[in-house]
Amino acid sequence: MAVQLKPEQEERLQQLAAQAGVTADVYLQQQVDSLLEYQEDLAAAVKRGDEDIAAGRLLANEEVFARIERRLKDR
């Protein structure tokens, strides 16, 4: 697969790779792996949320905010 980068993107990529101490190819592969993992985790979280909704496992906004406030006060 080939990806065409704008010159400014390629320059930024080169700078970030240099800061990380790796080549631009290695840096880009690492970042793609990270992005794919994030997207997979996000899709799984959305699926779990959809399943919770379908099963009726919901909280009203007021209850969510009340729980947050209690946790903040308990600190």
N, C-alpha and C. Protein backbone atom coordinates (compact mmCIF):
# COMPACT_ATOMS: atom_id res chain seq x y z
N MET A 1 0.85 -1.17 0.00
CA MET A 1 0.00 0.00 0.00
C MET A 1 0.89 1.23 0.00
N ALA A 2 0.49 2.22 -0.73
CA ALA A 2 1.23 3.48 -0.78
C ALA A 2 0.30 4.60 -0.35
N VAL A 3 0.84 5.53 0.39
CA VAL A 3 0.08 6.69 0.85
C VAL A 3 0.81 7.94 0.39
N GLN A 4 0.09 8.81 -0.25
CA GLN A 4 0.68 10.07 -0.69
C GLN A 4 0.49 11.11 0.41
N LEU A 5 1.59 11.65 0.88
CA LEU A 5 1.54 12.69 1.91
C LEU A 5 1.84 14.04 1.28
N LYS A 6 1.22 15.05 1.83
CA LYS A 6 1.56 16.42 1.44
C LYS A 6 2.97 16.69 1.96
N PRO A 7 3.70 17.58 1.32
CA PRO A 7 5.07 17.87 1.78
C PRO A 7 5.12 18.27 3.26
N GLU A 8 4.16 19.06 3.71
CA GLU A 8 4.18 19.48 5.11
C GLU A 8 3.89 18.30 6.05
N GLN A 9 3.08 17.36 5.60
CA GLN A 9 2.83 16.16 6.41
C GLN A 9 4.09 15.30 6.50
N GLU A 10 4.76 15.17 5.38
CA GLU A 10 5.99 14.37 5.37
C GLU A 10 7.06 15.00 6.27
N GLU A 11 7.14 16.31 6.25
CA GLU A 11 8.11 17.01 7.11
C GLU A 11 7.78 16.79 8.58
N ARG A 12 6.51 16.91 8.92
CA ARG A 12 6.09 16.68 10.32
C ARG A 12 6.37 15.25 10.73
N LEU A 13 6.10 14.30 9.83
CA LEU A 13 6.36 12.90 10.10
C LEU A 13 7.84 12.66 10.35
N GLN A 14 8.68 13.24 9.52
CA GLN A 14 10.13 13.10 9.68
C GLN A 14 10.58 13.67 11.03
N GLN A 15 10.04 14.79 11.42
CA GLN A 15 10.41 15.41 12.70
C GLN A 15 9.99 14.53 13.88
N LEU A 16 8.77 14.01 13.84
CA LEU A 16 8.30 13.16 14.94
C LEU A 16 9.10 11.87 15.01
N ALA A 17 9.40 11.30 13.86
CA ALA A 17 10.19 10.07 13.83
C ALA A 17 11.58 10.32 14.40
N ALA A 18 12.18 11.44 14.04
CA ALA A 18 13.50 11.77 14.57
C ALA A 18 13.46 11.94 16.09
N GLN A 19 12.42 12.58 16.58
CA GLN A 19 12.28 12.75 18.03
C GLN A 19 12.12 11.41 18.73
N ALA A 20 11.47 10.46 18.06
CA ALA A 20 11.26 9.13 18.63
C ALA A 20 12.48 8.23 18.43
N GLY A 21 13.41 8.69 17.60
CA GLY A 21 14.63 7.91 17.37
C GLY A 21 14.44 6.72 16.44
N VAL A 22 13.48 6.83 15.54
CA VAL A 22 13.22 5.75 14.59
C VAL A 22 13.06 6.36 13.20
N THR A 23 13.03 5.50 12.20
CA THR A 23 12.80 5.99 10.84
C THR A 23 11.34 6.39 10.68
N ALA A 24 11.08 7.16 9.64
CA ALA A 24 9.70 7.59 9.38
C ALA A 24 8.81 6.37 9.10
N ASP A 25 9.35 5.36 8.40
CA ASP A 25 8.56 4.16 8.11
C ASP A 25 8.17 3.43 9.39
N VAL A 26 9.13 3.27 10.29
CA VAL A 26 8.85 2.58 11.56
C VAL A 26 7.86 3.39 12.38
N TYR A 27 8.07 4.70 12.45
CA TYR A 27 7.17 5.56 13.22
C TYR A 27 5.75 5.48 12.68
N LEU A 28 5.62 5.54 11.36
CA LEU A 28 4.30 5.49 10.75
C LEU A 28 3.62 4.14 11.01
N GLN A 29 4.36 3.05 10.93
CA GLN A 29 3.80 1.74 11.24
C GLN A 29 3.31 1.67 12.68
N GLN A 30 4.10 2.23 13.60
CA GLN A 30 3.70 2.24 15.02
C GLN A 30 2.42 3.04 15.20
N GLN A 31 2.33 4.17 14.54
CA GLN A 31 1.16 5.03 14.68
C GLN A 31 -0.08 4.39 14.05
N VAL A 32 0.09 3.71 12.94
CA VAL A 32 -1.04 3.01 12.32
C VAL A 32 -1.52 1.90 13.23
N ASP A 33 -0.58 1.14 13.83
CA ASP A 33 -0.97 0.10 14.78
C ASP A 33 -1.77 0.69 15.93
N SER A 34 -1.29 1.81 16.46
CA SER A 34 -1.97 2.47 17.57
C SER A 34 -3.37 2.92 17.17
N LEU A 35 -3.50 3.51 16.00
CA LEU A 35 -4.80 3.98 15.52
C LEU A 35 -5.76 2.81 15.32
N LEU A 36 -5.28 1.73 14.71
CA LEU A 36 -6.14 0.57 14.48
C LEU A 36 -6.61 -0.02 15.81
N GLU A 37 -5.71 -0.12 16.77
CA GLU A 37 -6.09 -0.65 18.08
C GLU A 37 -7.13 0.24 18.75
N TYR A 38 -6.93 1.55 18.66
CA TYR A 38 -7.89 2.50 19.23
C TYR A 38 -9.26 2.34 18.58
N GLN A 39 -9.28 2.25 17.26
CA GLN A 39 -10.55 2.12 16.54
C GLN A 39 -11.26 0.82 16.89
N GLU A 40 -10.49 -0.27 17.04
CA GLU A 40 -11.09 -1.55 17.43
C GLU A 40 -11.67 -1.48 18.84
N ASP A 41 -10.93 -0.84 19.75
CA ASP A 41 -11.42 -0.69 21.12
C ASP A 41 -12.68 0.18 21.15
N LEU A 42 -12.69 1.23 20.37
CA LEU A 42 -13.85 2.11 20.31
C LEU A 42 -15.06 1.37 19.78
N ALA A 43 -14.89 0.60 18.71
CA ALA A 43 -15.99 -0.17 18.14
C ALA A 43 -16.54 -1.17 19.15
N ALA A 44 -15.64 -1.81 19.92
CA ALA A 44 -16.08 -2.77 20.94
C ALA A 44 -16.86 -2.06 22.05
N ALA A 45 -16.41 -0.87 22.44
CA ALA A 45 -17.10 -0.11 23.48
C ALA A 45 -18.49 0.31 23.01
N VAL A 46 -18.60 0.73 21.77
CA VAL A 46 -19.90 1.12 21.23
C VAL A 46 -20.82 -0.10 21.19
N LYS A 47 -20.29 -1.24 20.81
CA LYS A 47 -21.11 -2.46 20.77
C LYS A 47 -21.61 -2.81 22.17
N ARG A 48 -20.71 -2.71 23.18
CA ARG A 48 -21.14 -2.99 24.56
C ARG A 48 -22.23 -2.01 24.98
N GLY A 49 -22.07 -0.75 24.60
CA GLY A 49 -23.08 0.25 24.93
C GLY A 49 -24.42 -0.06 24.28
N ASP A 50 -24.37 -0.46 23.03
CA ASP A 50 -25.61 -0.83 22.34
C ASP A 50 -26.27 -2.03 23.02
N GLU A 51 -25.45 -2.99 23.44
CA GLU A 51 -25.99 -4.17 24.12
C GLU A 51 -26.60 -3.78 25.47
N ASP A 52 -25.96 -2.86 26.18
CA ASP A 52 -26.51 -2.39 27.46
C ASP A 52 -27.85 -1.70 27.25
N ILE A 53 -27.93 -0.88 26.21
CA ILE A 53 -29.19 -0.19 25.91
C ILE A 53 -30.28 -1.21 25.59
N ALA A 54 -29.95 -2.17 24.75
CA ALA A 54 -30.93 -3.18 24.37
C ALA A 54 -31.41 -4.00 25.57
N ALA A 55 -30.51 -4.18 26.56
CA ALA A 55 -30.87 -4.96 27.75
C ALA A 55 -31.52 -4.10 28.83
N GLY A 56 -31.64 -2.79 28.58
CA GLY A 56 -32.28 -1.92 29.56
C GLY A 56 -31.37 -1.46 30.68
N ARG A 57 -30.07 -1.64 30.52
CA ARG A 57 -29.11 -1.21 31.54
C ARG A 57 -28.76 0.27 31.28
N LEU A 58 -29.60 1.14 31.80
CA LEU A 58 -29.47 2.57 31.57
C LEU A 58 -29.56 3.33 32.89
N LEU A 59 -28.99 4.52 32.92
CA LEU A 59 -29.13 5.43 34.05
C LEU A 59 -29.60 6.77 33.53
N ALA A 60 -30.45 7.42 34.28
CA ALA A 60 -30.88 8.78 33.93
C ALA A 60 -29.70 9.73 34.12
N ASN A 61 -29.70 10.82 33.36
CA ASN A 61 -28.62 11.80 33.48
C ASN A 61 -28.44 12.27 34.91
N GLU A 62 -29.57 12.48 35.60
CA GLU A 62 -29.50 12.97 36.97
C GLU A 62 -28.73 12.00 37.86
N GLU A 63 -28.96 10.71 37.68
CA GLU A 63 -28.27 9.70 38.48
C GLU A 63 -26.78 9.68 38.16
N VAL A 64 -26.44 9.82 36.91
CA VAL A 64 -25.02 9.84 36.51
C VAL A 64 -24.32 11.02 37.17
N PHE A 65 -24.91 12.20 37.08
CA PHE A 65 -24.31 13.39 37.67
C PHE A 65 -24.25 13.28 39.20
N ALA A 66 -25.26 12.70 39.81
CA ALA A 66 -25.25 12.51 41.26
C ALA A 66 -24.10 11.60 41.67
N ARG A 67 -23.87 10.54 40.91
CA ARG A 67 -22.76 9.62 41.22
C ARG A 67 -21.42 10.32 41.06
N ILE A 68 -21.30 11.13 40.03
CA ILE A 68 -20.04 11.87 39.83
C ILE A 68 -19.80 12.83 40.98
N GLU A 69 -20.84 13.56 41.36
CA GLU A 69 -20.70 14.51 42.46
C GLU A 69 -20.32 13.81 43.76
N ARG A 70 -20.91 12.65 44.04
CA ARG A 70 -20.56 11.89 45.25
C ARG A 70 -19.10 11.47 45.23
N ARG A 71 -18.64 11.02 44.08
CA ARG A 71 -17.24 10.59 43.98
C ARG A 71 -16.29 11.77 44.17
N LEU A 72 -16.65 12.90 43.62
CA LEU A 72 -15.79 14.08 43.77
C LEU A 72 -15.76 14.55 45.21
N LYS A 73 -16.87 14.45 45.92
CA LYS A 73 -16.92 14.87 47.32
C LYS A 73 -16.14 13.91 48.21
N ASP A 74 -16.09 12.63 47.82
CA ASP A 74 -15.40 11.62 48.63
C ASP A 74 -13.88 11.68 48.50
N ARG A 75 -13.39 12.50 47.65
CA ARG A 75 -11.93 12.59 47.45
C ARG A 75 -11.25 13.22 48.61
